[in-house]
Amino acid sequence: MADRTVRRLRRLITELSRSDADKLLDEIVQVAAEICAVEYAGVMEIDAVQGVARPVHARTPEGDSPQVLARLATGGILPASAAQEPVRTWIGEWCVLSAPMPVTTRSQAVIWVAGRAFDEHEEELLVRFATAAARALEAHRDVETAVRMLRGVHAFSKT
């Protein structure tokens, strides 16, 4: 391969590699919290077969994360969310609204917001946002796959 082509390939790999999955997930959670005007939001991965939920990312006030995740784990909201429909439930004085993120993985993902009562309009917004956010995460995974493939092409072009 010509040097010019190798340089262009390297630039393409660099540009595509700039995207950071953790930053994308953080932005998704921040926007969910802002859409619903709450301080508490996050994404959980649910293994419906084993009935367990794993926090992927959470937004909470400083130092409050362990308590929030404990409330969610004991509140029954996450296993109920495995039904792939939005769930609005009360855990003590807390209302938690969760919506499925339709992703094409083995596990299920749920985006949640918490801290006050939610109406049907907010539920609809969160459901629509969850769908868009899931697509964004899947597109990011596709870009990561493309970068790995391009690195292989680049490696072979050096020989």
Protein backbone atom coordinates (compact mmCIF):
# COMPACT_ATOMS: atom_id res chain seq x y z
CA MET A 1 0.00 0.00 0.00
CA ALA A 2 1.26 3.51 -0.76
CA ASP A 3 2.49 5.64 2.15
CA ARG A 4 -0.25 8.18 1.47
CA THR A 5 -2.93 5.48 1.76
CA VAL A 6 -1.41 4.15 4.98
CA ARG A 7 -1.41 7.68 6.46
CA ARG A 8 -5.06 8.20 5.47
CA LEU A 9 -5.98 4.84 6.97
CA ARG A 10 -4.18 5.78 10.20
CA ARG A 11 -6.07 9.12 10.30
CA LEU A 12 -9.38 7.35 9.78
CA ILE A 13 -8.63 4.96 12.64
CA THR A 14 -7.65 7.90 14.87
CA GLU A 15 -10.84 9.82 14.09
CA LEU A 16 -13.09 6.83 14.68
CA SER A 17 -11.25 5.97 17.91
CA ARG A 18 -11.99 9.36 19.50
CA SER A 19 -15.41 8.27 20.66
CA ASP A 20 -15.46 7.12 24.30
CA ALA A 21 -18.16 4.66 25.40
CA ASP A 22 -18.02 5.75 29.04
CA LYS A 23 -18.45 9.39 28.09
CA LEU A 24 -21.38 8.51 25.83
CA LEU A 25 -23.04 6.54 28.63
CA ASP A 26 -22.44 9.41 31.06
CA GLU A 27 -24.08 11.86 28.63
CA ILE A 28 -27.06 9.54 28.16
CA VAL A 29 -27.61 9.31 31.93
CA GLN A 30 -27.18 13.08 32.38
CA VAL A 31 -29.75 13.81 29.67
CA ALA A 32 -32.23 11.31 31.15
CA ALA A 33 -31.94 13.07 34.50
CA GLU A 34 -32.45 16.47 32.89
CA ILE A 35 -35.41 15.31 30.78
CA CYS A 36 -37.18 14.24 33.96
CA ALA A 37 -35.78 17.04 36.16
CA VAL A 38 -34.23 14.76 38.80
CA GLU A 39 -30.83 14.24 40.39
CA TYR A 40 -30.97 10.45 40.27
CA ALA A 41 -30.65 8.50 37.01
CA GLY A 42 -28.78 5.55 35.63
CA VAL A 43 -28.55 2.51 33.43
CA MET A 44 -28.79 -1.03 34.71
CA GLU A 45 -28.14 -4.28 32.90
CA ILE A 46 -30.65 -6.99 33.74
CA ASP A 47 -30.10 -10.68 33.27
CA ALA A 48 -33.71 -11.86 33.14
CA VAL A 49 -32.74 -15.53 33.19
CA GLN A 50 -30.76 -15.25 36.42
CA GLY A 51 -32.93 -12.44 37.81
CA VAL A 52 -30.02 -10.15 38.64
CA ALA A 53 -29.39 -6.51 37.88
CA ARG A 54 -26.01 -4.86 37.55
CA PRO A 55 -25.51 -1.11 37.68
CA VAL A 56 -23.73 0.11 34.55
CA HIS A 57 -23.74 3.83 35.28
CA ALA A 58 -25.49 6.07 37.81
CA ARG A 59 -25.87 9.78 38.41
CA THR A 60 -26.46 10.68 42.04
CA PRO A 61 -25.64 13.56 44.36
CA GLU A 62 -22.10 13.36 45.74
CA GLY A 63 -21.68 10.35 48.04
CA ASP A 64 -25.24 9.05 47.61
CA SER A 65 -24.58 6.32 45.04
CA PRO A 66 -24.41 3.29 47.39
CA GLN A 67 -27.74 4.18 49.04
CA VAL A 68 -29.45 4.75 45.69
CA LEU A 69 -28.27 1.48 44.23
CA ALA A 70 -29.25 -0.37 47.42
CA ARG A 71 -32.77 1.10 47.20
CA LEU A 72 -33.08 0.04 43.60
CA ALA A 73 -31.82 -3.47 44.30
CA THR A 74 -34.25 -4.01 47.18
CA GLY A 75 -37.20 -2.19 45.62
CA GLY A 76 -38.08 -4.80 43.03
CA ILE A 77 -38.11 -2.22 40.24
CA LEU A 78 -35.31 -3.75 38.23
CA PRO A 79 -36.57 -7.31 37.95
CA ALA A 80 -40.00 -5.87 37.08
CA SER A 81 -38.33 -3.86 34.31
CA ALA A 82 -37.30 -7.09 32.62
CA ALA A 83 -40.85 -7.20 31.25
CA GLN A 84 -39.67 -4.75 28.54
CA GLU A 85 -42.27 -2.13 29.43
CA PRO A 86 -41.90 1.08 31.39
CA VAL A 87 -42.33 0.65 35.12
CA ARG A 88 -43.30 3.38 37.58
CA THR A 89 -43.18 2.31 41.21
CA TRP A 90 -42.68 3.70 44.68
CA ILE A 91 -39.86 2.62 46.95
CA GLY A 92 -40.63 4.28 50.26
CA GLU A 93 -40.93 8.01 49.55
CA TRP A 94 -39.17 7.54 46.21
CA CYS A 95 -40.79 7.17 42.82
CA VAL A 96 -38.66 5.31 40.28
CA LEU A 97 -39.46 5.33 36.59
CA SER A 98 -37.62 2.88 34.37
CA ALA A 99 -37.80 2.20 30.67
CA PRO A 100 -36.28 -0.63 28.66
CA MET A 101 -33.45 0.17 26.28
CA PRO A 102 -34.01 -2.11 23.28
CA VAL A 103 -30.48 -3.37 22.66
CA THR A 104 -29.41 -6.46 20.76
CA THR A 105 -27.43 -8.14 23.49
CA ARG A 106 -27.94 -11.18 25.67
CA SER A 107 -28.87 -9.05 28.65
CA GLN A 108 -31.49 -6.36 28.84
CA ALA A 109 -30.74 -2.74 29.63
CA VAL A 110 -32.96 -0.35 31.56
CA ILE A 111 -32.63 3.39 31.97
CA TRP A 112 -34.08 4.74 35.22
CA VAL A 113 -34.78 8.05 36.88
CA ALA A 114 -35.83 8.57 40.49
CA GLY A 115 -36.68 11.06 43.16
CA ARG A 116 -40.22 12.36 42.60
CA ALA A 117 -43.58 11.48 41.09
CA PHE A 118 -43.65 11.16 37.30
CA ASP A 119 -46.56 11.67 34.92
CA GLU A 120 -47.44 9.89 31.69
CA HIS A 121 -45.80 12.57 29.55
CA GLU A 122 -42.45 12.06 31.34
CA GLU A 123 -42.85 8.31 30.98
CA GLU A 124 -43.39 8.67 27.24
CA LEU A 125 -40.36 10.97 26.94
CA LEU A 126 -38.17 8.52 28.85
CA VAL A 127 -39.35 5.59 26.70
CA ARG A 128 -38.55 7.47 23.50
CA PHE A 129 -35.21 8.62 24.88
CA ALA A 130 -34.35 5.07 25.99
CA THR A 131 -34.91 3.81 22.44
CA ALA A 132 -32.73 6.56 20.94
CA ALA A 133 -30.03 6.03 23.57
CA ALA A 134 -29.97 2.29 22.88
CA ARG A 135 -29.48 2.98 19.17
CA ALA A 136 -26.64 5.39 19.96
CA LEU A 137 -24.90 2.78 22.11
CA GLU A 138 -25.30 0.13 19.41
CA ALA A 139 -23.93 2.52 16.77
CA HIS A 140 -20.95 3.17 19.02
CA ARG A 141 -20.31 -0.57 19.31
CA ASP A 142 -20.47 -0.81 15.51
CA VAL A 143 -17.86 1.96 15.21
CA GLU A 144 -15.62 0.16 17.71
CA THR A 145 -15.92 -3.01 15.61
CA ALA A 146 -15.04 -1.07 12.47
CA VAL A 147 -11.96 0.39 14.19
CA ARG A 148 -10.74 -3.10 15.13
CA MET A 149 -11.23 -4.25 11.54
CA LEU A 150 -9.41 -1.18 10.18
CA ARG A 151 -6.52 -1.84 12.54
CA GLY A 152 -6.26 -5.29 11.00
CA VAL A 153 -6.20 -3.79 7.53
CA HIS A 154 -3.52 -1.35 8.70
CA ALA A 155 -1.44 -4.15 10.21
CA PHE A 156 -1.52 -6.09 6.94
CA SER A 157 -0.66 -3.00 4.93
CA LYS A 158 2.70 -2.75 6.73
CA THR A 159 3.85 -6.14 5.46
